[in-house]
Amino acid sequence: RTIHPGGAGACSSAARSPARPHARSASPSAPTRLPRCAPRALSLSPAPPPRAGPPALSPTQSRRGAMQKAIRECNGKRLLSQYLRDEEGAPLYHCQAALVTSLADLDTLPSKEPWLLTTPKLVVKPDQLIKRRGKAGLVKVGLDWEGVKTQVRAWMGAPVEVEGVRGTLDCFVVEPQAAFSREYYVCIHSLRDQDVILFYHEG
């Protein structure tokens, strides 16, 4: 048997290579003693410096073993607007969404997003990975910009409990209200080697 050193001081054996003849043959009754692998020193890189600002979202493990990170609805719509295109390269979806993370944004956002002042009907809702916001009364529709500001001021910092999960409201998405007769649901699940698109006619 020949011995091949493994990683980090581990030993592994392989019996495919024929043993070389020795000058002296061991006694049949004597036990065979295998050479020991010398332990290898592990080279550990220093720990990265602490991140500034709030901690990053923790990744979750999917059923297929791919690492995931949850993203906000506003950022997801921006990704679709940027990358969802037809065969000629024209965008299939145009995102109009503004993210409110502080009360100061209510004064500065109209200069960056002028449509907030000209759109007659807006929708505002928390953008904090909360499911079933409509049933919880956390979606307000048909508001103008002044109505949106009033609603955000009422929500900002307020405690909320949805399906047994408690938290504080501190981030909101504002977008134009779209007229529709039916609602459909789509989920794009990005894996390492493919994208899985889920579509259904009910939530």
C-alpha atoms as a PDB file:
ATOM      1  CA  ARG A   1       0.000   0.000   0.000  1.00  0.00           C
ATOM      2  CA  THR A   2       1.198   3.494  -0.709  1.00  0.00           C
ATOM      3  CA  ILE A   3       0.273   6.439   1.456  1.00  0.00           C
ATOM      4  CA  HIS A   4      -0.721   9.777  -0.085  1.00  0.00           C
ATOM      5  CA  PRO A   5      -0.838  12.853   2.145  1.00  0.00           C
ATOM      6  CA  GLY A   6      -4.260  14.452   2.407  1.00  0.00           C
ATOM      7  CA  GLY A   7      -5.223  18.023   3.231  1.00  0.00           C
ATOM      8  CA  ALA A   8      -4.412  19.648   6.561  1.00  0.00           C
ATOM      9  CA  GLY A   9      -2.541  16.712   8.051  1.00  0.00           C
ATOM     10  CA  ALA A  10      -5.097  14.051   7.044  1.00  0.00           C
ATOM     11  CA  CYS A  11      -3.878  10.704   5.720  1.00  0.00           C
ATOM     12  CA  SER A  12      -5.467   8.693   2.926  1.00  0.00           C
ATOM     13  CA  SER A  13      -4.432   5.288   1.618  1.00  0.00           C
ATOM     14  CA  ALA A  14      -4.550   3.843  -1.890  1.00  0.00           C
ATOM     15  CA  ALA A  15      -4.100   0.147  -2.707  1.00  0.00           C
ATOM     16  CA  ARG A  16      -3.825   0.379  -6.502  1.00  0.00           C
ATOM     17  CA  SER A  17      -0.030   0.790  -6.714  1.00  0.00           C
ATOM     18  CA  PRO A  18       1.954  -2.451  -6.201  1.00  0.00           C
ATOM     19  CA  ALA A  19       4.240  -2.500  -3.202  1.00  0.00           C
ATOM     20  CA  ARG A  20       7.931  -2.220  -3.911  1.00  0.00           C
ATOM     21  CA  PRO A  21      10.120  -5.166  -2.890  1.00  0.00           C
ATOM     22  CA  HIS A  22      12.071  -4.643   0.300  1.00  0.00           C
ATOM     23  CA  ALA A  23      15.504  -5.946   1.188  1.00  0.00           C
ATOM     24  CA  ARG A  24      14.054  -7.742   4.181  1.00  0.00           C
ATOM     25  CA  SER A  25      10.655  -9.328   4.311  1.00  0.00           C
ATOM     26  CA  ALA A  26       8.658  -8.812   7.446  1.00  0.00           C
ATOM     27  CA  SER A  27       7.611 -11.750   9.521  1.00  0.00           C
ATOM     28  CA  PRO A  28       4.124 -13.001   8.566  1.00  0.00           C
ATOM     29  CA  SER A  29       3.052 -12.754  12.151  1.00  0.00           C
ATOM     30  CA  ALA A  30       4.342  -9.211  12.659  1.00  0.00           C
ATOM     31  CA  PRO A  31       1.708  -6.474  12.195  1.00  0.00           C
ATOM     32  CA  THR A  32       2.145  -4.134   9.271  1.00  0.00           C
ATOM     33  CA  ARG A  33       3.029  -0.627  10.467  1.00  0.00           C
ATOM     34  CA  LEU A  34       1.991   2.233   8.198  1.00  0.00           C
ATOM     35  CA  PRO A  35       4.086   5.399   8.042  1.00  0.00           C
ATOM     36  CA  ARG A  36       2.480   8.428   9.613  1.00  0.00           C
ATOM     37  CA  CYS A  37       1.799  11.647   7.722  1.00  0.00           C
ATOM     38  CA  ALA A  38       3.482  14.688   9.141  1.00  0.00           C
ATOM     39  CA  PRO A  39       0.886  17.317  10.097  1.00  0.00           C
ATOM     40  CA  ARG A  40       0.718  20.325   7.823  1.00  0.00           C
ATOM     41  CA  ALA A  41       0.564  23.841   9.160  1.00  0.00           C
ATOM     42  CA  LEU A  42      -2.668  25.644   8.218  1.00  0.00           C
ATOM     43  CA  SER A  43      -2.244  29.093   6.733  1.00  0.00           C
ATOM     44  CA  LEU A  44      -5.122  31.218   7.979  1.00  0.00           C
ATOM     45  CA  SER A  45      -5.785  34.601   6.432  1.00  0.00           C
ATOM     46  CA  PRO A  46      -6.491  37.424   8.877  1.00  0.00           C
ATOM     47  CA  ALA A  47     -10.116  38.217   9.618  1.00  0.00           C
ATOM     48  CA  PRO A  48     -11.575  40.998   7.451  1.00  0.00           C
ATOM     49  CA  PRO A  49     -12.088  44.379   9.118  1.00  0.00           C
ATOM     50  CA  PRO A  50     -15.586  45.069  10.476  1.00  0.00           C
ATOM     51  CA  ARG A  51     -18.067  46.473   7.977  1.00  0.00           C
ATOM     52  CA  ALA A  52     -19.095  50.093   8.348  1.00  0.00           C
ATOM     53  CA  GLY A  53     -22.772  50.876   8.648  1.00  0.00           C
ATOM     54  CA  PRO A  54     -25.615  48.384   9.104  1.00  0.00           C
ATOM     55  CA  PRO A  55     -24.842  44.665   8.742  1.00  0.00           C
ATOM     56  CA  ALA A  56     -25.468  43.009   5.416  1.00  0.00           C
ATOM     57  CA  LEU A  57     -28.428  40.705   4.934  1.00  0.00           C
ATOM     58  CA  SER A  58     -27.688  37.141   5.978  1.00  0.00           C
ATOM     59  CA  PRO A  59     -27.645  34.617   3.134  1.00  0.00           C
ATOM     60  CA  THR A  60     -30.062  31.720   3.262  1.00  0.00           C
ATOM     61  CA  GLN A  61     -29.677  28.202   1.972  1.00  0.00           C
ATOM     62  CA  SER A  62     -32.121  27.124  -0.730  1.00  0.00           C
ATOM     63  CA  ARG A  63     -33.348  23.583  -1.377  1.00  0.00           C
ATOM     64  CA  ARG A  64     -30.846  23.229  -4.196  1.00  0.00           C
ATOM     65  CA  GLY A  65     -27.952  24.401  -2.069  1.00  0.00           C
ATOM     66  CA  ALA A  66     -27.519  27.797  -3.768  1.00  0.00           C
ATOM     67  CA  MET A  67     -26.773  30.778  -1.557  1.00  0.00           C
ATOM     68  CA  GLN A  68     -29.396  33.502  -1.680  1.00  0.00           C
ATOM     69  CA  LYS A  69     -29.876  37.013  -0.394  1.00  0.00           C
ATOM     70  CA  ALA A  70     -33.207  38.684  -0.003  1.00  0.00           C
ATOM     71  CA  ILE A  71     -33.587  42.002  -1.814  1.00  0.00           C
ATOM     72  CA  ARG A  72     -36.129  44.770  -1.578  1.00  0.00           C
ATOM     73  CA  GLU A  73     -39.054  44.992  -3.980  1.00  0.00           C
ATOM     74  CA  CYS A  74     -37.806  48.333  -5.305  1.00  0.00           C
ATOM     75  CA  ASN A  75     -34.372  46.915  -6.143  1.00  0.00           C
ATOM     76  CA  GLY A  76     -35.915  43.850  -7.749  1.00  0.00           C
ATOM     77  CA  LYS A  77     -38.019  46.021 -10.057  1.00  0.00           C
ATOM     78  CA  ARG A  78     -34.960  48.070 -10.977  1.00  0.00           C
ATOM     79  CA  LEU A  79     -33.102  44.888 -11.908  1.00  0.00           C
ATOM     80  CA  LEU A  80     -36.001  43.809 -14.137  1.00  0.00           C
ATOM     81  CA  SER A  81     -36.081  47.219 -15.775  1.00  0.00           C
ATOM     82  CA  GLN A  82     -32.351  47.031 -16.512  1.00  0.00           C
ATOM     83  CA  TYR A  83     -31.977  43.437 -17.667  1.00  0.00           C
ATOM     84  CA  LEU A  84     -35.397  42.249 -18.922  1.00  0.00           C
ATOM     85  CA  ARG A  85     -35.223  42.970 -22.675  1.00  0.00           C
ATOM     86  CA  ASP A  86     -36.629  41.597 -25.899  1.00  0.00           C
ATOM     87  CA  GLU A  87     -34.644  40.006 -28.729  1.00  0.00           C
ATOM     88  CA  GLU A  88     -33.729  43.425 -30.135  1.00  0.00           C
ATOM     89  CA  GLY A  89     -32.463  44.698 -26.790  1.00  0.00           C
ATOM     90  CA  ALA A  90     -35.388  46.995 -26.024  1.00  0.00           C
ATOM     91  CA  PRO A  91     -36.507  47.038 -22.361  1.00  0.00           C
ATOM     92  CA  LEU A  92     -39.736  45.187 -21.652  1.00  0.00           C
ATOM     93  CA  TYR A  93     -40.411  46.942 -18.380  1.00  0.00           C
ATOM     94  CA  HIS A  94     -39.838  50.504 -17.236  1.00  0.00           C
ATOM     95  CA  CYS A  95     -39.427  50.917 -13.497  1.00  0.00           C
ATOM     96  CA  GLN A  96     -40.819  53.968 -11.751  1.00  0.00           C
ATOM     97  CA  ALA A  97     -40.208  53.435  -8.051  1.00  0.00           C
ATOM     98  CA  ALA A  98     -38.793  55.599  -5.283  1.00  0.00           C
ATOM     99  CA  LEU A  99     -37.375  54.285  -2.021  1.00  0.00           C
ATOM    100  CA  VAL A 100     -38.039  56.211   1.199  1.00  0.00           C
ATOM    101  CA  THR A 101     -35.696  55.323   4.064  1.00  0.00           C
ATOM    102  CA  SER A 102     -35.962  58.499   6.159  1.00  0.00           C
ATOM    103  CA  LEU A 103     -38.263  61.467   6.611  1.00  0.00           C
ATOM    104  CA  ALA A 104     -35.625  63.640   4.959  1.00  0.00           C
ATOM    105  CA  ASP A 105     -36.241  61.742   1.711  1.00  0.00           C
ATOM    106  CA  LEU A 106     -39.715  63.245   1.534  1.00  0.00           C
ATOM    107  CA  ASP A 107     -38.121  66.636   0.845  1.00  0.00           C
ATOM    108  CA  THR A 108     -35.372  65.511  -1.558  1.00  0.00           C
ATOM    109  CA  LEU A 109     -37.031  62.772  -3.626  1.00  0.00           C
ATOM    110  CA  PRO A 110     -39.198  65.032  -5.869  1.00  0.00           C
ATOM    111  CA  SER A 111     -36.073  66.661  -7.308  1.00  0.00           C
ATOM    112  CA  LYS A 112     -34.684  63.242  -8.225  1.00  0.00           C
ATOM    113  CA  GLU A 113     -38.024  61.702  -9.228  1.00  0.00           C
ATOM    114  CA  PRO A 114     -40.197  64.513 -10.718  1.00  0.00           C
ATOM    115  CA  TRP A 115     -43.003  62.084 -11.559  1.00  0.00           C
ATOM    116  CA  LEU A 116     -43.888  61.974  -7.860  1.00  0.00           C
ATOM    117  CA  LEU A 117     -45.372  65.461  -8.160  1.00  0.00           C
ATOM    118  CA  THR A 118     -47.190  64.925 -11.467  1.00  0.00           C
ATOM    119  CA  THR A 119     -48.645  61.433 -10.979  1.00  0.00           C
ATOM    120  CA  PRO A 120     -52.227  61.818  -9.682  1.00  0.00           C
ATOM    121  CA  LYS A 121     -52.463  58.370  -8.073  1.00  0.00           C
ATOM    122  CA  LEU A 122     -49.564  56.808  -6.192  1.00  0.00           C
ATOM    123  CA  VAL A 123     -49.119  53.624  -4.176  1.00  0.00           C
ATOM    124  CA  VAL A 124     -47.049  53.480  -0.989  1.00  0.00           C
ATOM    125  CA  LYS A 125     -46.199  50.387   1.048  1.00  0.00           C
ATOM    126  CA  PRO A 126     -43.424  49.123   3.327  1.00  0.00           C
ATOM    127  CA  ASP A 127     -40.502  47.546   1.475  1.00  0.00           C
ATOM    128  CA  GLN A 128     -39.114  45.302   4.202  1.00  0.00           C
ATOM    129  CA  LEU A 129     -39.689  41.745   2.937  1.00  0.00           C
ATOM    130  CA  ILE A 130     -43.159  41.649   4.513  1.00  0.00           C
ATOM    131  CA  LYS A 131     -45.623  39.177   3.034  1.00  0.00           C
ATOM    132  CA  ARG A 132     -49.362  39.832   2.689  1.00  0.00           C
ATOM    133  CA  ARG A 133     -49.037  43.569   3.217  1.00  0.00           C
ATOM    134  CA  GLY A 134     -52.442  44.226   1.676  1.00  0.00           C
ATOM    135  CA  LYS A 135     -54.263  42.015   4.180  1.00  0.00           C
ATOM    136  CA  ALA A 136     -52.361  43.721   6.993  1.00  0.00           C
ATOM    137  CA  GLY A 137     -53.485  47.187   5.840  1.00  0.00           C
ATOM    138  CA  LEU A 138     -49.960  48.180   4.816  1.00  0.00           C
ATOM    139  CA  VAL A 139     -50.734  49.143   1.195  1.00  0.00           C
ATOM    140  CA  LYS A 140     -52.245  52.556   0.498  1.00  0.00           C
ATOM    141  CA  VAL A 141     -53.418  53.395  -3.024  1.00  0.00           C
ATOM    142  CA  GLY A 142     -54.827  56.405  -4.839  1.00  0.00           C
ATOM    143  CA  LEU A 143     -52.709  58.982  -2.979  1.00  0.00           C
ATOM    144  CA  ASP A 144     -51.041  62.081  -4.327  1.00  0.00           C
ATOM    145  CA  TRP A 145     -47.555  63.043  -3.126  1.00  0.00           C
ATOM    146  CA  GLU A 146     -48.892  65.000  -0.164  1.00  0.00           C
ATOM    147  CA  GLY A 147     -50.957  61.995   0.871  1.00  0.00           C
ATOM    148  CA  VAL A 148     -47.904  59.760   0.539  1.00  0.00           C
ATOM    149  CA  LYS A 149     -45.880  62.047   2.819  1.00  0.00           C
ATOM    150  CA  THR A 150     -48.651  62.022   5.425  1.00  0.00           C
ATOM    151  CA  GLN A 151     -48.823  58.236   5.347  1.00  0.00           C
ATOM    152  CA  VAL A 152     -45.060  57.749   5.537  1.00  0.00           C
ATOM    153  CA  ARG A 153     -44.837  60.085   8.545  1.00  0.00           C
ATOM    154  CA  ALA A 154     -47.535  58.016  10.270  1.00  0.00           C
ATOM    155  CA  TRP A 155     -45.769  54.729   9.476  1.00  0.00           C
ATOM    156  CA  MET A 156     -42.127  55.681  10.027  1.00  0.00           C
ATOM    157  CA  GLY A 157     -40.797  54.075  13.199  1.00  0.00           C
ATOM    158  CA  ALA A 158     -44.137  52.497  14.077  1.00  0.00           C
ATOM    159  CA  PRO A 159     -44.121  48.958  15.522  1.00  0.00           C
ATOM    160  CA  VAL A 160     -45.990  46.362  13.495  1.00  0.00           C
ATOM    161  CA  GLU A 161     -46.821  42.668  13.800  1.00  0.00           C
ATOM    162  CA  VAL A 162     -47.634  40.587  10.716  1.00  0.00           C
ATOM    163  CA  GLU A 163     -48.419  36.894  11.140  1.00  0.00           C
ATOM    164  CA  GLY A 164     -46.596  36.705  14.452  1.00  0.00           C
ATOM    165  CA  VAL A 165     -43.497  38.582  13.255  1.00  0.00           C
ATOM    166  CA  ARG A 166     -42.811  41.879  15.008  1.00  0.00           C
ATOM    167  CA  GLY A 167     -40.712  44.743  13.732  1.00  0.00           C
ATOM    168  CA  THR A 168     -40.483  48.460  13.055  1.00  0.00           C
ATOM    169  CA  LEU A 169     -41.398  50.171   9.796  1.00  0.00           C
ATOM    170  CA  ASP A 170     -38.509  52.186   8.378  1.00  0.00           C
ATOM    171  CA  CYS A 171     -38.413  51.694   4.592  1.00  0.00           C
ATOM    172  CA  PHE A 172     -41.112  52.323   1.969  1.00  0.00           C
ATOM    173  CA  VAL A 173     -41.532  52.130  -1.788  1.00  0.00           C
ATOM    174  CA  VAL A 174     -43.623  54.624  -3.781  1.00  0.00           C
ATOM    175  CA  GLU A 175     -44.756  53.980  -7.356  1.00  0.00           C
ATOM    176  CA  PRO A 176     -47.538  54.995  -9.744  1.00  0.00           C
ATOM    177  CA  GLN A 177     -50.834  53.206  -9.367  1.00  0.00           C
ATOM    178  CA  ALA A 178     -51.459  50.984 -12.383  1.00  0.00           C
ATOM    179  CA  ALA A 179     -54.912  50.180 -13.670  1.00  0.00           C
ATOM    180  CA  PHE A 180     -55.501  46.448 -14.185  1.00  0.00           C
ATOM    181  CA  SER A 181     -58.339  43.961 -14.376  1.00  0.00           C
ATOM    182  CA  ARG A 182     -56.432  40.838 -13.315  1.00  0.00           C
ATOM    183  CA  GLU A 183     -53.307  40.281 -11.257  1.00  0.00           C
ATOM    184  CA  TYR A 184     -50.624  37.664 -11.890  1.00  0.00           C
ATOM    185  CA  TYR A 185     -47.588  36.637  -9.893  1.00  0.00           C
ATOM    186  CA  VAL A 186     -44.101  35.847 -11.144  1.00  0.00           C
ATOM    187  CA  CYS A 187     -40.953  34.831  -9.294  1.00  0.00           C
ATOM    188  CA  ILE A 188     -37.478  34.666 -10.850  1.00  0.00           C
ATOM    189  CA  HIS A 189     -35.234  32.359  -8.851  1.00  0.00           C
ATOM    190  CA  SER A 190     -31.608  32.832  -9.935  1.00  0.00           C
ATOM    191  CA  LEU A 191     -29.337  29.836  -9.395  1.00  0.00           C
ATOM    192  CA  ARG A 192     -25.688  29.366 -10.206  1.00  0.00           C
ATOM    193  CA  ASP A 193     -26.304  27.713 -13.578  1.00  0.00           C
ATOM    194  CA  GLN A 194     -29.875  28.670 -14.497  1.00  0.00           C
ATOM    195  CA  ASP A 195     -32.879  30.898 -13.782  1.00  0.00           C
ATOM    196  CA  VAL A 196     -36.134  29.306 -12.612  1.00  0.00           C
ATOM    197  CA  ILE A 197     -39.252  31.353 -13.455  1.00  0.00           C
ATOM    198  CA  LEU A 198     -42.385  30.648 -11.390  1.00  0.00           C
ATOM    199  CA  PHE A 199     -45.715  31.990 -12.634  1.00  0.00           C
ATOM    200  CA  TYR A 200     -49.192  31.700 -11.174  1.00  0.00           C
ATOM    201  CA  HIS A 201     -52.544  33.405 -11.540  1.00  0.00           C
ATOM    202  CA  GLU A 202     -53.157  33.650  -7.785  1.00  0.00           C
ATOM    203  CA  GLY A 203     -51.071  34.957  -4.920  1.00  0.00           C
END
